[in-house]
Amino acid sequence: MARKRTPVHATPLVERIRQDNERRELRQGQRSNPAAKPAVSTPRGERLPKYVPIAVWVEMMFGEHAPHRNTIRNWIRDGRIYPPPRKIGSGWFCTPDADYVDDK
């Protein structure tokens, strides 16, 4: 009887990014500038990255009911995400607090 293999990345992408940020902060320790303010802060006081990949933003905003990636590209092109995402290299990135704005 074959055993089921668990996926390597069983945690959601958003959670992995948050964990990576926490590990990075721990590694930096005292080297970081205490006067520097976080890019975006949540009501719970967590620090969020300045930019996240658009796929992570979609997962944070819509969860399992996320629209297709072509729809997201149309939203970017039509300016329906504010503040507008930036193209960095070959990928699209936006701020974690970006919102979908419907013109209707």
Protein backbone atom coordinates (compact mmCIF):
# COMPACT_ATOMS: atom_id res chain seq x y z
CA MET A 1 0.00 0.00 0.00
CA ALA A 2 1.52 3.31 -1.08
CA ARG A 3 1.71 6.16 1.39
CA LYS A 4 0.35 9.54 0.45
CA ARG A 5 3.04 12.15 0.01
CA THR A 6 2.45 15.49 1.64
CA PRO A 7 3.32 18.49 -0.52
CA VAL A 8 6.54 20.28 0.26
CA HIS A 9 4.75 23.60 0.64
CA ALA A 10 1.68 22.64 2.65
CA THR A 11 1.27 26.15 4.09
CA PRO A 12 -0.38 28.87 2.01
CA LEU A 13 1.87 31.27 0.15
CA VAL A 14 0.81 34.27 2.25
CA GLU A 15 1.75 32.46 5.46
CA ARG A 16 5.13 31.44 4.04
CA ILE A 17 5.91 35.06 3.12
CA ARG A 18 4.94 36.22 6.60
CA GLN A 19 7.19 33.55 8.15
CA ASP A 20 10.07 34.53 5.86
CA ASN A 21 9.69 38.16 6.94
CA GLU A 22 9.77 37.15 10.61
CA ARG A 23 12.90 35.05 10.07
CA ARG A 24 14.58 37.92 8.20
CA GLU A 25 13.82 40.29 11.08
CA LEU A 26 15.25 37.84 13.59
CA ARG A 27 18.42 37.43 11.51
CA GLN A 28 18.89 41.18 11.25
CA GLY A 29 18.38 41.57 14.98
CA GLN A 30 20.04 44.71 16.28
CA ARG A 31 21.44 45.69 12.88
CA SER A 32 18.12 47.18 11.77
CA ASN A 33 17.42 50.86 12.27
CA PRO A 34 14.85 51.21 15.09
CA ALA A 35 13.75 54.60 13.72
CA ALA A 36 12.72 53.06 10.38
CA LYS A 37 8.98 52.67 10.13
CA PRO A 38 7.32 49.69 8.44
CA ALA A 39 6.00 50.09 4.92
CA VAL A 40 2.49 49.00 5.88
CA SER A 41 1.23 48.11 9.32
CA THR A 42 -1.87 46.15 10.19
CA PRO A 43 -4.20 46.82 13.12
CA ARG A 44 -2.44 44.04 15.00
CA GLY A 45 0.90 45.79 14.50
CA GLU A 46 2.36 43.21 12.12
CA ARG A 47 4.78 44.42 9.49
CA LEU A 48 3.94 43.73 5.87
CA PRO A 49 6.34 43.90 2.94
CA LYS A 50 6.29 46.95 0.68
CA TYR A 51 5.37 44.90 -2.37
CA VAL A 52 4.01 41.39 -2.77
CA PRO A 53 3.58 39.40 -5.96
CA ILE A 54 0.17 39.93 -7.50
CA ALA A 55 -0.67 36.23 -6.96
CA VAL A 56 -0.12 36.66 -3.21
CA TRP A 57 -2.30 39.78 -3.15
CA VAL A 58 -5.08 37.90 -4.97
CA GLU A 59 -4.83 35.07 -2.44
CA MET A 60 -5.01 37.54 0.46
CA MET A 61 -7.99 39.40 -1.04
CA PHE A 62 -10.09 36.57 -2.45
CA GLY A 63 -8.85 33.32 -0.90
CA GLU A 64 -10.13 30.24 -2.68
CA HIS A 65 -12.55 32.31 -4.80
CA ALA A 66 -9.78 34.13 -6.67
CA PRO A 67 -10.43 35.19 -10.26
CA HIS A 68 -8.38 33.77 -13.11
CA ARG A 69 -4.94 35.28 -13.72
CA ASN A 70 -6.11 36.72 -17.06
CA THR A 71 -8.84 38.62 -15.21
CA ILE A 72 -6.21 40.01 -12.84
CA ARG A 73 -4.11 41.15 -15.82
CA ASN A 74 -7.18 42.88 -17.26
CA TRP A 75 -7.73 44.64 -13.92
CA ILE A 76 -4.11 45.82 -13.94
CA ARG A 77 -4.39 47.08 -17.52
CA ASP A 78 -7.72 48.81 -16.84
CA GLY A 79 -6.47 50.46 -13.63
CA ARG A 80 -8.91 48.68 -11.32
CA ILE A 81 -6.34 48.00 -8.60
CA TYR A 82 -5.37 50.98 -6.48
CA PRO A 83 -2.61 51.85 -5.83
CA PRO A 84 -1.61 50.50 -9.23
CA PRO A 85 0.69 47.46 -9.33
CA ARG A 86 4.24 47.84 -10.64
CA LYS A 87 5.92 45.57 -13.10
CA ILE A 88 9.26 44.50 -11.68
CA GLY A 89 11.21 42.27 -14.02
CA SER A 90 8.70 39.92 -15.58
CA GLY A 91 6.21 39.92 -12.69
CA TRP A 92 3.59 42.24 -11.28
CA PHE A 93 3.81 43.42 -7.67
CA CYS A 94 1.48 45.55 -5.55
CA THR A 95 1.23 46.81 -2.01
CA PRO A 96 -0.47 44.43 0.45
CA ASP A 97 -3.11 47.07 1.23
CA ALA A 98 -4.11 47.59 -2.41
CA ASP A 99 -7.82 47.45 -3.21
CA TYR A 100 -9.93 46.46 -6.17
CA VAL A 101 -11.85 49.50 -7.43
CA ASP A 102 -14.92 48.89 -9.58
CA ASP A 103 -15.82 51.80 -11.89
CA LYS A 104 -19.51 50.95 -11.99
